[in-house]
Amino acid sequence: MWNTILPYIVSLTVAVMIFSLVLTLYQIARYFRTNREVRKAWHRARGRMMFGIFLLAFAFNQVLLFTTLVAYLICAVLIVFAVANISYGVQATRYFEQYFEEEDRAWAELEKEKKA
C-alpha cells in the first residue's frame, strides 16, 4: 500500500514547494515595490513565513525520497529552521497588522501636506 500512495504524497509536497516558492517571490517583490515601512515589514514577514513552508515541504519530500541517516539529520535541521521561520512570520505578521491604520493616517496627512 505504501508504494501506491508514495508518488501522490511526493507530488503533493512538490506542489506545495512550488506554490510556496511562488508566494515567497511574490512577497519579496511586494517588499521591494512598496514605500510604506510597516507594509514593507509585513511583506517581509509573510515572505519568511512562505519560505518556511517551502523548507518544511522540501524536508518532508527528502525524508520520503531518501531513507538514510544523513538525510534524516539534515532534514531535522531544516524542519527546525522551517518551524522557526513560520513561527516568526506568523508573529510578525500579526504584530505589523495592528499598525496599518496608523500608517494609512500618516500617509493621508502627508498627501494633504503635499497638495497644500
C-alpha atoms as a PDB file:
ATOM      1  CA  MET A   1       0.000   0.000   0.000  1.00  0.00           C
ATOM      2  CA  TRP A   2       2.849   2.391   0.813  1.00  0.00           C
ATOM      3  CA  ASN A   3       4.275   2.043  -2.685  1.00  0.00           C
ATOM      4  CA  THR A   4       0.968   3.024  -4.258  1.00  0.00           C
ATOM      5  CA  ILE A   5       0.430   6.155  -2.161  1.00  0.00           C
ATOM      6  CA  LEU A   6       4.060   7.388  -2.045  1.00  0.00           C
ATOM      7  CA  PRO A   7       4.076   9.006  -5.521  1.00  0.00           C
ATOM      8  CA  TYR A   8       0.967  11.001  -4.623  1.00  0.00           C
ATOM      9  CA  ILE A   9       2.467  12.238  -1.378  1.00  0.00           C
ATOM     10  CA  VAL A  10       5.690  13.222  -3.140  1.00  0.00           C
ATOM     11  CA  SER A  11       3.671  15.023  -5.816  1.00  0.00           C
ATOM     12  CA  LEU A  12       1.773  16.882  -3.111  1.00  0.00           C
ATOM     13  CA  THR A  13       4.974  18.012  -1.405  1.00  0.00           C
ATOM     14  CA  VAL A  14       6.390  19.179  -4.749  1.00  0.00           C
ATOM     15  CA  ALA A  15       3.190  21.121  -5.450  1.00  0.00           C
ATOM     16  CA  VAL A  16       3.368  22.761  -2.021  1.00  0.00           C
ATOM     17  CA  MET A  17       7.030  23.593  -2.647  1.00  0.00           C
ATOM     18  CA  ILE A  18       6.299  25.249  -5.985  1.00  0.00           C
ATOM     19  CA  PHE A  19       3.274  27.144  -4.674  1.00  0.00           C
ATOM     20  CA  SER A  20       5.087  28.419  -1.581  1.00  0.00           C
ATOM     21  CA  LEU A  21       8.158  29.411  -3.595  1.00  0.00           C
ATOM     22  CA  VAL A  22       5.976  31.442  -5.968  1.00  0.00           C
ATOM     23  CA  LEU A  23       4.294  33.127  -3.000  1.00  0.00           C
ATOM     24  CA  THR A  24       7.697  33.818  -1.437  1.00  0.00           C
ATOM     25  CA  LEU A  25       8.899  35.532  -4.608  1.00  0.00           C
ATOM     26  CA  TYR A  26       5.631  37.470  -4.812  1.00  0.00           C
ATOM     27  CA  GLN A  27       6.008  38.757  -1.249  1.00  0.00           C
ATOM     28  CA  ILE A  28       9.643  39.708  -1.881  1.00  0.00           C
ATOM     29  CA  ALA A  29       8.602  41.638  -4.987  1.00  0.00           C
ATOM     30  CA  ARG A  30       5.899  43.415  -2.996  1.00  0.00           C
ATOM     31  CA  TYR A  31       8.503  44.204  -0.318  1.00  0.00           C
ATOM     32  CA  PHE A  32      10.728  45.969  -2.831  1.00  0.00           C
ATOM     33  CA  ARG A  33       7.878  47.796  -4.567  1.00  0.00           C
ATOM     34  CA  THR A  34       6.171  49.367  -1.555  1.00  0.00           C
ATOM     35  CA  ASN A  35       7.187  52.672   0.006  1.00  0.00           C
ATOM     36  CA  ARG A  36       5.420  52.251   3.316  1.00  0.00           C
ATOM     37  CA  GLU A  37       7.630  50.941   6.099  1.00  0.00           C
ATOM     38  CA  VAL A  38       5.019  48.931   8.007  1.00  0.00           C
ATOM     39  CA  ARG A  39       3.762  47.286   4.825  1.00  0.00           C
ATOM     40  CA  LYS A  40       7.359  46.592   3.847  1.00  0.00           C
ATOM     41  CA  ALA A  41       7.998  44.790   7.124  1.00  0.00           C
ATOM     42  CA  TRP A  42       4.676  42.949   6.777  1.00  0.00           C
ATOM     43  CA  HIS A  43       5.545  41.676   3.298  1.00  0.00           C
ATOM     44  CA  ARG A  44       8.974  40.646   4.511  1.00  0.00           C
ATOM     45  CA  ALA A  45       7.456  38.670   7.401  1.00  0.00           C
ATOM     46  CA  ARG A  46       4.982  36.957   5.073  1.00  0.00           C
ATOM     47  CA  GLY A  47       7.832  36.114   2.710  1.00  0.00           C
ATOM     48  CA  ARG A  48       9.719  34.456   5.545  1.00  0.00           C
ATOM     49  CA  MET A  49       6.616  32.519   6.508  1.00  0.00           C
ATOM     50  CA  MET A  50       6.177  31.260   2.935  1.00  0.00           C
ATOM     51  CA  PHE A  51       9.862  30.368   2.775  1.00  0.00           C
ATOM     52  CA  GLY A  52       9.424  28.370   5.973  1.00  0.00           C
ATOM     53  CA  ILE A  53       6.561  26.459   4.365  1.00  0.00           C
ATOM     54  CA  PHE A  54       8.810  25.794   1.364  1.00  0.00           C
ATOM     55  CA  LEU A  55      11.573  24.457   3.617  1.00  0.00           C
ATOM     56  CA  LEU A  56       9.130  22.266   5.516  1.00  0.00           C
ATOM     57  CA  ALA A  57       7.747  20.735   2.321  1.00  0.00           C
ATOM     58  CA  PHE A  58      11.277  20.274   0.975  1.00  0.00           C
ATOM     59  CA  ALA A  59      12.388  18.482   4.135  1.00  0.00           C
ATOM     60  CA  PHE A  60       9.390  16.151   4.098  1.00  0.00           C
ATOM     61  CA  ASN A  61       9.984  15.448   0.425  1.00  0.00           C
ATOM     62  CA  GLN A  62      13.583  14.494   1.104  1.00  0.00           C
ATOM     63  CA  VAL A  63      12.591  12.276   4.021  1.00  0.00           C
ATOM     64  CA  LEU A  64      10.164  10.434   1.764  1.00  0.00           C
ATOM     65  CA  LEU A  65      12.654  10.015  -1.061  1.00  0.00           C
ATOM     66  CA  PHE A  66      15.871   9.247   0.822  1.00  0.00           C
ATOM     67  CA  THR A  67      15.835   6.949   3.840  1.00  0.00           C
ATOM     68  CA  THR A  68      19.364   7.383   5.136  1.00  0.00           C
ATOM     69  CA  LEU A  69      20.529   8.663   8.495  1.00  0.00           C
ATOM     70  CA  VAL A  70      22.304  11.634   6.927  1.00  0.00           C
ATOM     71  CA  ALA A  71      19.110  12.662   5.139  1.00  0.00           C
ATOM     72  CA  TYR A  72      17.153  12.384   8.378  1.00  0.00           C
ATOM     73  CA  LEU A  73      19.660  14.555  10.255  1.00  0.00           C
ATOM     74  CA  ILE A  74      19.781  17.245   7.581  1.00  0.00           C
ATOM     75  CA  CYS A  75      16.004  17.243   7.279  1.00  0.00           C
ATOM     76  CA  ALA A  76      15.641  17.544  11.045  1.00  0.00           C
ATOM     77  CA  VAL A  77      17.750  20.708  10.943  1.00  0.00           C
ATOM     78  CA  LEU A  78      15.706  22.014   8.015  1.00  0.00           C
ATOM     79  CA  ILE A  79      12.446  21.287   9.828  1.00  0.00           C
ATOM     80  CA  VAL A  80      13.608  23.171  12.938  1.00  0.00           C
ATOM     81  CA  PHE A  81      14.678  26.122  10.767  1.00  0.00           C
ATOM     82  CA  ALA A  82      11.373  26.000   8.856  1.00  0.00           C
ATOM     83  CA  VAL A  83       9.272  25.958  12.018  1.00  0.00           C
ATOM     84  CA  ALA A  84      11.271  28.923  13.370  1.00  0.00           C
ATOM     85  CA  ASN A  85      10.664  30.875  10.135  1.00  0.00           C
ATOM     86  CA  ILE A  86       6.961  30.056  10.097  1.00  0.00           C
ATOM     87  CA  SER A  87       6.588  30.992  13.760  1.00  0.00           C
ATOM     88  CA  TYR A  88       8.415  34.286  13.265  1.00  0.00           C
ATOM     89  CA  GLY A  89       6.373  35.048  10.144  1.00  0.00           C
ATOM     90  CA  VAL A  90       3.051  34.473  11.883  1.00  0.00           C
ATOM     91  CA  GLN A  91       4.000  36.548  14.928  1.00  0.00           C
ATOM     92  CA  ALA A  92       5.491  39.400  12.903  1.00  0.00           C
ATOM     93  CA  THR A  93       2.533  39.478  10.511  1.00  0.00           C
ATOM     94  CA  ARG A  94       0.113  39.812  13.424  1.00  0.00           C
ATOM     95  CA  TYR A  95       2.308  42.462  15.029  1.00  0.00           C
ATOM     96  CA  PHE A  96       2.563  44.669  11.951  1.00  0.00           C
ATOM     97  CA  GLU A  97      -1.121  44.369  11.011  1.00  0.00           C
ATOM     98  CA  GLN A  98      -2.099  46.407  14.068  1.00  0.00           C
ATOM     99  CA  TYR A  99      -0.221  49.432  12.684  1.00  0.00           C
ATOM    100  CA  PHE A 100      -1.847  49.521   9.239  1.00  0.00           C
ATOM    101  CA  GLU A 101      -4.474  52.130  10.167  1.00  0.00           C
ATOM    102  CA  GLU A 102      -1.920  54.375  11.841  1.00  0.00           C
ATOM    103  CA  GLU A 103       0.328  54.199   8.791  1.00  0.00           C
ATOM    104  CA  ASP A 104      -2.612  54.939   6.477  1.00  0.00           C
ATOM    105  CA  ARG A 105      -3.497  58.040   8.512  1.00  0.00           C
ATOM    106  CA  ALA A 106       0.108  59.231   8.424  1.00  0.00           C
ATOM    107  CA  TRP A 107       0.276  58.769   4.656  1.00  0.00           C
ATOM    108  CA  ALA A 108      -3.040  60.597   4.214  1.00  0.00           C
ATOM    109  CA  GLU A 109      -1.688  63.548   6.214  1.00  0.00           C
ATOM    110  CA  LEU A 110       1.479  63.548   4.151  1.00  0.00           C
ATOM    111  CA  GLU A 111      -0.553  63.619   0.941  1.00  0.00           C
ATOM    112  CA  LYS A 112      -2.597  66.564   2.293  1.00  0.00           C
ATOM    113  CA  GLU A 113       0.596  68.470   3.086  1.00  0.00           C
ATOM    114  CA  LYS A 114       1.962  67.818  -0.401  1.00  0.00           C
ATOM    115  CA  LYS A 115      -1.212  69.145  -2.042  1.00  0.00           C
ATOM    116  CA  ALA A 116      -1.395  72.241   0.155  1.00  0.00           C
END
